[in-house]
Amino acid sequence: MSPQLGTAPTESGRPHDDALAVVRWAHNTFGSGLCVTASFGDATLAHVANTAVPGIEITLLDTGYLFAETDWFSDHLADRFGLTLRVLRPQPDLDRDVWATDTDACCAARKVEPLSRALDGSTAWVTGLRRSDSASRQSTPMVHDDLLKSVVKINPLASWTDDDVRRYAAEHDLPEHPLTDRGYASIGCWPCTRPADDRSGRWADSTKTECGLHA
């Protein structure tokens, strides 16, 4: 385990305060080696990161299949809160129809490969993973070594419940993603996302639950 991890903040039971402290610690510890990625399914991580470290660069992996509402939402948040937004897109020579026959290959090309470029030269990675997202994420630590990606992985929202997210949004007057009130609790790419009250709406017609970013 990386020697820096011994100085990481521990969970205090105050999720909002903990998240800000973890992002500040990550920025102070890793500096320009820190990469923050946000899916912009909601405003939470982007707002937390930018509040903790104003102007911190936030990366959106634009798969080419994001809902138009997600593109608009990320731009809207960037304008409203002064976010420094970096957008990474897939390589141009992709089979546009691969999602229909092989969702794993689609995710590998449109999410995993761009993430590899986003993390190139980085030593730490901040994500929006929460334990309450799904059963497969219930053991998500706040900070740990990601051996597959050779970075320290930092999940400042790991302990947040849905109520914590709603409370934070209300306290800071955060806008909702336009699809939220249309029944989308979890928002990914349009070919593979259906309205649902949890992540079951992602790859709804298959047993797939993760895209490969968080192996």
C-alpha atoms as a PDB file:
ATOM      1  CA  MET A   1       0.000   0.000   0.000  1.00  0.00           C
ATOM      2  CA  SER A   2       1.260   3.469  -0.861  1.00  0.00           C
ATOM      3  CA  PRO A   3       2.975   5.291   2.023  1.00  0.00           C
ATOM      4  CA  GLN A   4       0.772   8.372   1.487  1.00  0.00           C
ATOM      5  CA  LEU A   5      -2.340   6.458   2.553  1.00  0.00           C
ATOM      6  CA  GLY A   6      -1.401   6.581   6.196  1.00  0.00           C
ATOM      7  CA  THR A   7      -2.129  10.300   6.284  1.00  0.00           C
ATOM      8  CA  ALA A   8      -5.515  10.107   4.556  1.00  0.00           C
ATOM      9  CA  PRO A   9      -8.530  11.430   6.511  1.00  0.00           C
ATOM     10  CA  THR A  10     -10.668   8.782   8.147  1.00  0.00           C
ATOM     11  CA  GLU A  11     -14.453   8.605   8.145  1.00  0.00           C
ATOM     12  CA  SER A  12     -15.916  10.722  10.939  1.00  0.00           C
ATOM     13  CA  GLY A  13     -19.608  10.049  10.402  1.00  0.00           C
ATOM     14  CA  ARG A  14     -20.074  13.495   8.798  1.00  0.00           C
ATOM     15  CA  PRO A  15     -20.180  12.517   5.104  1.00  0.00           C
ATOM     16  CA  HIS A  16     -20.262  16.032   3.661  1.00  0.00           C
ATOM     17  CA  ASP A  17     -17.297  17.218   5.753  1.00  0.00           C
ATOM     18  CA  ASP A  18     -15.400  13.992   5.110  1.00  0.00           C
ATOM     19  CA  ALA A  19     -15.749  14.328   1.337  1.00  0.00           C
ATOM     20  CA  LEU A  20     -14.372  17.861   1.287  1.00  0.00           C
ATOM     21  CA  ALA A  21     -11.489  16.883   3.573  1.00  0.00           C
ATOM     22  CA  VAL A  22     -10.593  13.879   1.407  1.00  0.00           C
ATOM     23  CA  VAL A  23     -10.510  15.915  -1.810  1.00  0.00           C
ATOM     24  CA  ARG A  24      -8.363  18.591  -0.158  1.00  0.00           C
ATOM     25  CA  TRP A  25      -6.022  15.919   1.194  1.00  0.00           C
ATOM     26  CA  ALA A  26      -5.817  14.296  -2.239  1.00  0.00           C
ATOM     27  CA  HIS A  27      -4.978  17.594  -3.911  1.00  0.00           C
ATOM     28  CA  ASN A  28      -2.345  18.463  -1.298  1.00  0.00           C
ATOM     29  CA  THR A  29      -0.840  14.977  -1.480  1.00  0.00           C
ATOM     30  CA  PHE A  30      -0.828  14.283  -5.207  1.00  0.00           C
ATOM     31  CA  GLY A  31      -0.972  17.747  -6.783  1.00  0.00           C
ATOM     32  CA  SER A  32      -0.873  17.662 -10.564  1.00  0.00           C
ATOM     33  CA  GLY A  33      -0.893  13.864 -10.408  1.00  0.00           C
ATOM     34  CA  LEU A  34      -4.538  13.898  -9.332  1.00  0.00           C
ATOM     35  CA  CYS A  35      -7.264  13.080 -11.861  1.00  0.00           C
ATOM     36  CA  VAL A  36     -10.949  13.690 -11.031  1.00  0.00           C
ATOM     37  CA  THR A  37     -13.585  12.016 -13.216  1.00  0.00           C
ATOM     38  CA  ALA A  38     -17.312  12.666 -12.981  1.00  0.00           C
ATOM     39  CA  SER A  39     -20.147  11.118 -14.989  1.00  0.00           C
ATOM     40  CA  PHE A  40     -22.456  14.107 -14.447  1.00  0.00           C
ATOM     41  CA  GLY A  41     -25.427  11.891 -13.691  1.00  0.00           C
ATOM     42  CA  ASP A  42     -25.833  14.412 -10.894  1.00  0.00           C
ATOM     43  CA  ALA A  43     -23.935  17.471  -9.679  1.00  0.00           C
ATOM     44  CA  THR A  44     -22.582  16.034  -6.425  1.00  0.00           C
ATOM     45  CA  LEU A  45     -18.976  15.033  -7.089  1.00  0.00           C
ATOM     46  CA  ALA A  46     -18.265  17.960  -9.398  1.00  0.00           C
ATOM     47  CA  HIS A  47     -19.566  20.417  -6.799  1.00  0.00           C
ATOM     48  CA  VAL A  48     -17.734  18.739  -3.899  1.00  0.00           C
ATOM     49  CA  ALA A  49     -14.439  18.696  -5.800  1.00  0.00           C
ATOM     50  CA  ASN A  50     -14.746  22.288  -6.978  1.00  0.00           C
ATOM     51  CA  THR A  51     -15.756  23.477  -3.493  1.00  0.00           C
ATOM     52  CA  ALA A  52     -12.817  21.699  -1.876  1.00  0.00           C
ATOM     53  CA  VAL A  53     -10.322  22.884  -4.507  1.00  0.00           C
ATOM     54  CA  PRO A  54     -11.738  25.743  -6.604  1.00  0.00           C
ATOM     55  CA  GLY A  55     -10.819  25.379 -10.245  1.00  0.00           C
ATOM     56  CA  ILE A  56      -9.733  21.740  -9.970  1.00  0.00           C
ATOM     57  CA  GLU A  57      -9.915  20.023 -13.353  1.00  0.00           C
ATOM     58  CA  ILE A  58     -12.826  17.605 -13.699  1.00  0.00           C
ATOM     59  CA  THR A  59     -12.823  15.064 -16.530  1.00  0.00           C
ATOM     60  CA  LEU A  60     -15.955  13.844 -18.310  1.00  0.00           C
ATOM     61  CA  LEU A  61     -15.591  10.670 -20.375  1.00  0.00           C
ATOM     62  CA  ASP A  62     -17.895  11.395 -23.298  1.00  0.00           C
ATOM     63  CA  THR A  63     -18.645   7.983 -24.782  1.00  0.00           C
ATOM     64  CA  GLY A  64     -20.336   9.431 -27.838  1.00  0.00           C
ATOM     65  CA  TYR A  65     -23.551   7.876 -26.573  1.00  0.00           C
ATOM     66  CA  LEU A  66     -24.264  10.173 -23.631  1.00  0.00           C
ATOM     67  CA  PHE A  67     -27.783  11.519 -23.472  1.00  0.00           C
ATOM     68  CA  ALA A  68     -28.036  15.002 -24.957  1.00  0.00           C
ATOM     69  CA  GLU A  69     -29.312  16.044 -21.534  1.00  0.00           C
ATOM     70  CA  THR A  70     -26.012  14.939 -19.949  1.00  0.00           C
ATOM     71  CA  ASP A  71     -23.987  17.019 -22.392  1.00  0.00           C
ATOM     72  CA  TRP A  72     -26.186  20.011 -21.614  1.00  0.00           C
ATOM     73  CA  PHE A  73     -26.040  19.352 -17.858  1.00  0.00           C
ATOM     74  CA  SER A  74     -22.239  19.226 -17.728  1.00  0.00           C
ATOM     75  CA  ASP A  75     -22.005  22.490 -19.667  1.00  0.00           C
ATOM     76  CA  HIS A  76     -24.660  24.075 -17.449  1.00  0.00           C
ATOM     77  CA  LEU A  77     -22.808  23.111 -14.260  1.00  0.00           C
ATOM     78  CA  ALA A  78     -19.516  24.330 -15.697  1.00  0.00           C
ATOM     79  CA  ASP A  79     -21.051  27.723 -16.445  1.00  0.00           C
ATOM     80  CA  ARG A  80     -22.957  28.022 -13.172  1.00  0.00           C
ATOM     81  CA  PHE A  81     -20.188  26.954 -10.805  1.00  0.00           C
ATOM     82  CA  GLY A  82     -17.111  27.911 -12.808  1.00  0.00           C
ATOM     83  CA  LEU A  83     -15.924  24.343 -13.268  1.00  0.00           C
ATOM     84  CA  THR A  84     -12.743  23.551 -15.153  1.00  0.00           C
ATOM     85  CA  LEU A  85     -14.034  20.804 -17.421  1.00  0.00           C
ATOM     86  CA  ARG A  86     -11.992  18.455 -19.594  1.00  0.00           C
ATOM     87  CA  VAL A  87     -13.846  16.183 -22.036  1.00  0.00           C
ATOM     88  CA  LEU A  88     -12.251  13.011 -23.397  1.00  0.00           C
ATOM     89  CA  ARG A  89     -13.815  11.076 -26.259  1.00  0.00           C
ATOM     90  CA  PRO A  90     -13.225   7.614 -27.760  1.00  0.00           C
ATOM     91  CA  GLN A  91     -10.853   6.977 -30.625  1.00  0.00           C
ATOM     92  CA  PRO A  92     -12.584   7.875 -33.916  1.00  0.00           C
ATOM     93  CA  ASP A  93     -12.303   4.495 -35.688  1.00  0.00           C
ATOM     94  CA  LEU A  94     -14.973   2.614 -33.733  1.00  0.00           C
ATOM     95  CA  ASP A  95     -17.822   0.390 -34.861  1.00  0.00           C
ATOM     96  CA  ARG A  96     -20.794   2.550 -33.923  1.00  0.00           C
ATOM     97  CA  ASP A  97     -23.122  -0.441 -33.665  1.00  0.00           C
ATOM     98  CA  VAL A  98     -21.024  -2.683 -31.406  1.00  0.00           C
ATOM     99  CA  TRP A  99     -23.221  -1.829 -28.398  1.00  0.00           C
ATOM    100  CA  ALA A 100     -26.045  -3.842 -29.985  1.00  0.00           C
ATOM    101  CA  THR A 101     -24.064  -7.098 -29.962  1.00  0.00           C
ATOM    102  CA  ASP A 102     -21.262  -6.718 -27.399  1.00  0.00           C
ATOM    103  CA  THR A 103     -21.741  -4.222 -24.572  1.00  0.00           C
ATOM    104  CA  ASP A 104     -18.456  -5.241 -22.935  1.00  0.00           C
ATOM    105  CA  ALA A 105     -16.520  -4.349 -26.076  1.00  0.00           C
ATOM    106  CA  CYS A 106     -18.454  -1.102 -26.344  1.00  0.00           C
ATOM    107  CA  CYS A 107     -17.632  -0.105 -22.767  1.00  0.00           C
ATOM    108  CA  ALA A 108     -13.994  -1.095 -23.248  1.00  0.00           C
ATOM    109  CA  ALA A 109     -13.650   1.176 -26.268  1.00  0.00           C
ATOM    110  CA  ARG A 110     -15.812   4.061 -25.124  1.00  0.00           C
ATOM    111  CA  LYS A 111     -15.085   4.170 -21.383  1.00  0.00           C
ATOM    112  CA  VAL A 112     -12.094   2.079 -20.323  1.00  0.00           C
ATOM    113  CA  GLU A 113      -9.718   3.197 -23.098  1.00  0.00           C
ATOM    114  CA  PRO A 114     -10.495   6.922 -22.646  1.00  0.00           C
ATOM    115  CA  LEU A 115     -10.029   6.507 -18.889  1.00  0.00           C
ATOM    116  CA  SER A 116      -6.583   5.051 -19.532  1.00  0.00           C
ATOM    117  CA  ARG A 117      -5.717   8.236 -21.420  1.00  0.00           C
ATOM    118  CA  ALA A 118      -7.222  10.365 -18.663  1.00  0.00           C
ATOM    119  CA  LEU A 119      -5.058   8.614 -16.067  1.00  0.00           C
ATOM    120  CA  ASP A 120      -1.877   8.709 -18.140  1.00  0.00           C
ATOM    121  CA  GLY A 121       0.735  10.331 -15.915  1.00  0.00           C
ATOM    122  CA  SER A 122      -1.595  10.413 -12.895  1.00  0.00           C
ATOM    123  CA  THR A 123      -0.791   8.921  -9.515  1.00  0.00           C
ATOM    124  CA  ALA A 124      -4.273   9.251  -7.973  1.00  0.00           C
ATOM    125  CA  TRP A 125      -7.850   9.102  -9.229  1.00  0.00           C
ATOM    126  CA  VAL A 126     -10.955  10.644  -7.625  1.00  0.00           C
ATOM    127  CA  THR A 127     -14.297   8.987  -8.468  1.00  0.00           C
ATOM    128  CA  GLY A 128     -17.922   9.327  -7.408  1.00  0.00           C
ATOM    129  CA  LEU A 129     -18.405   5.710  -6.286  1.00  0.00           C
ATOM    130  CA  ARG A 130     -20.836   5.201  -3.390  1.00  0.00           C
ATOM    131  CA  ARG A 131     -21.471   2.044  -1.368  1.00  0.00           C
ATOM    132  CA  SER A 132     -25.195   2.602  -1.712  1.00  0.00           C
ATOM    133  CA  ASP A 133     -24.992   2.435  -5.524  1.00  0.00           C
ATOM    134  CA  SER A 134     -25.266  -1.344  -5.711  1.00  0.00           C
ATOM    135  CA  ALA A 135     -24.460  -4.616  -3.967  1.00  0.00           C
ATOM    136  CA  SER A 136     -21.159  -4.890  -5.840  1.00  0.00           C
ATOM    137  CA  ARG A 137     -20.032  -1.553  -4.384  1.00  0.00           C
ATOM    138  CA  GLN A 138     -20.961  -2.085  -0.731  1.00  0.00           C
ATOM    139  CA  SER A 139     -17.333  -2.566   0.343  1.00  0.00           C
ATOM    140  CA  THR A 140     -15.979   0.484  -1.508  1.00  0.00           C
ATOM    141  CA  PRO A 141     -13.202   2.066   0.613  1.00  0.00           C
ATOM    142  CA  MET A 142     -12.656   5.801   0.738  1.00  0.00           C
ATOM    143  CA  VAL A 143      -8.993   5.440  -0.256  1.00  0.00           C
ATOM    144  CA  HIS A 144      -7.107   2.423  -1.568  1.00  0.00           C
ATOM    145  CA  ASP A 145      -4.482   1.303  -4.053  1.00  0.00           C
ATOM    146  CA  ASP A 146      -5.936   0.414  -7.445  1.00  0.00           C
ATOM    147  CA  LEU A 147      -3.339  -2.111  -8.528  1.00  0.00           C
ATOM    148  CA  LEU A 148      -4.869  -2.652 -11.977  1.00  0.00           C
ATOM    149  CA  LYS A 149      -4.573   1.022 -12.878  1.00  0.00           C
ATOM    150  CA  SER A 150      -1.449   1.745 -10.800  1.00  0.00           C
ATOM    151  CA  VAL A 151      -3.022   4.713  -9.014  1.00  0.00           C
ATOM    152  CA  VAL A 152      -4.349   5.523  -5.575  1.00  0.00           C
ATOM    153  CA  LYS A 153      -8.127   5.450  -5.975  1.00  0.00           C
ATOM    154  CA  ILE A 154     -10.051   7.964  -3.898  1.00  0.00           C
ATOM    155  CA  ASN A 155     -13.820   7.749  -3.399  1.00  0.00           C
ATOM    156  CA  PRO A 156     -14.806  10.776  -1.282  1.00  0.00           C
ATOM    157  CA  LEU A 157     -18.529   9.962  -1.524  1.00  0.00           C
ATOM    158  CA  ALA A 158     -18.106   6.297  -0.567  1.00  0.00           C
ATOM    159  CA  SER A 159     -20.137   6.518   2.649  1.00  0.00           C
ATOM    160  CA  TRP A 160     -22.892   8.750   1.268  1.00  0.00           C
ATOM    161  CA  THR A 161     -26.459   7.475   1.228  1.00  0.00           C
ATOM    162  CA  ASP A 162     -29.141   8.684  -1.169  1.00  0.00           C
ATOM    163  CA  ASP A 163     -30.397  10.899   1.648  1.00  0.00           C
ATOM    164  CA  ASP A 164     -26.929  12.427   2.017  1.00  0.00           C
ATOM    165  CA  VAL A 165     -26.932  13.266  -1.687  1.00  0.00           C
ATOM    166  CA  ARG A 166     -30.380  14.840  -1.487  1.00  0.00           C
ATOM    167  CA  ARG A 167     -29.436  16.809   1.639  1.00  0.00           C
ATOM    168  CA  TYR A 168     -26.248  18.133   0.037  1.00  0.00           C
ATOM    169  CA  ALA A 169     -28.124  19.131  -3.110  1.00  0.00           C
ATOM    170  CA  ALA A 170     -30.732  20.998  -1.065  1.00  0.00           C
ATOM    171  CA  GLU A 171     -28.105  22.784   1.056  1.00  0.00           C
ATOM    172  CA  HIS A 172     -26.246  24.007  -2.019  1.00  0.00           C
ATOM    173  CA  ASP A 173     -29.196  24.494  -4.376  1.00  0.00           C
ATOM    174  CA  LEU A 174     -27.769  22.049  -6.901  1.00  0.00           C
ATOM    175  CA  PRO A 175     -29.784  21.479 -10.075  1.00  0.00           C
ATOM    176  CA  GLU A 176     -30.978  17.985 -10.975  1.00  0.00           C
ATOM    177  CA  HIS A 177     -30.053  16.198 -14.152  1.00  0.00           C
ATOM    178  CA  PRO A 178     -32.979  16.744 -16.560  1.00  0.00           C
ATOM    179  CA  LEU A 179     -33.668  12.992 -16.764  1.00  0.00           C
ATOM    180  CA  THR A 180     -34.063  12.540 -13.018  1.00  0.00           C
ATOM    181  CA  ASP A 181     -37.703  13.590 -12.993  1.00  0.00           C
ATOM    182  CA  ARG A 182     -38.334  11.233 -15.913  1.00  0.00           C
ATOM    183  CA  GLY A 183     -37.555   8.221 -13.756  1.00  0.00           C
ATOM    184  CA  TYR A 184     -33.795   7.799 -14.346  1.00  0.00           C
ATOM    185  CA  ALA A 185     -32.026   7.315 -11.009  1.00  0.00           C
ATOM    186  CA  SER A 186     -28.780   6.210 -12.671  1.00  0.00           C
ATOM    187  CA  ILE A 187     -27.788   7.737 -15.997  1.00  0.00           C
ATOM    188  CA  GLY A 188     -25.301   6.254 -18.429  1.00  0.00           C
ATOM    189  CA  CYS A 189     -25.376   5.892 -22.210  1.00  0.00           C
ATOM    190  CA  TRP A 190     -28.695   6.131 -24.030  1.00  0.00           C
ATOM    191  CA  PRO A 191     -28.585   2.706 -25.781  1.00  0.00           C
ATOM    192  CA  CYS A 192     -28.199   0.828 -22.489  1.00  0.00           C
ATOM    193  CA  THR A 193     -30.033   2.909 -19.858  1.00  0.00           C
ATOM    194  CA  ARG A 194     -33.704   2.615 -18.957  1.00  0.00           C
ATOM    195  CA  PRO A 195     -35.785   4.461 -16.354  1.00  0.00           C
ATOM    196  CA  ALA A 196     -35.441   2.791 -12.934  1.00  0.00           C
ATOM    197  CA  ASP A 197     -35.181   3.823  -9.295  1.00  0.00           C
ATOM    198  CA  ASP A 198     -31.603   2.481  -8.945  1.00  0.00           C
ATOM    199  CA  ARG A 199     -28.715   1.142 -11.073  1.00  0.00           C
ATOM    200  CA  SER A 200     -30.933  -1.693 -12.347  1.00  0.00           C
ATOM    201  CA  GLY A 201     -31.765   0.631 -15.220  1.00  0.00           C
ATOM    202  CA  ARG A 202     -28.206   0.245 -16.543  1.00  0.00           C
ATOM    203  CA  TRP A 203     -27.889  -2.633 -19.045  1.00  0.00           C
ATOM    204  CA  ALA A 204     -31.444  -3.476 -18.017  1.00  0.00           C
ATOM    205  CA  ASP A 205     -31.840  -6.428 -20.367  1.00  0.00           C
ATOM    206  CA  SER A 206     -28.674  -8.248 -19.304  1.00  0.00           C
ATOM    207  CA  THR A 207     -26.773  -9.471 -16.236  1.00  0.00           C
ATOM    208  CA  LYS A 208     -24.131  -6.770 -16.718  1.00  0.00           C
ATOM    209  CA  THR A 209     -23.777  -4.393 -13.731  1.00  0.00           C
ATOM    210  CA  GLU A 210     -20.465  -2.586 -14.306  1.00  0.00           C
ATOM    211  CA  CYS A 211     -18.815  -0.993 -17.339  1.00  0.00           C
ATOM    212  CA  GLY A 212     -15.234  -1.938 -16.456  1.00  0.00           C
ATOM    213  CA  LEU A 213     -14.053   1.412 -15.114  1.00  0.00           C
ATOM    214  CA  HIS A 214     -14.236   0.111 -11.549  1.00  0.00           C
ATOM    215  CA  ALA A 215     -13.029  -3.467 -11.881  1.00  0.00           C
END
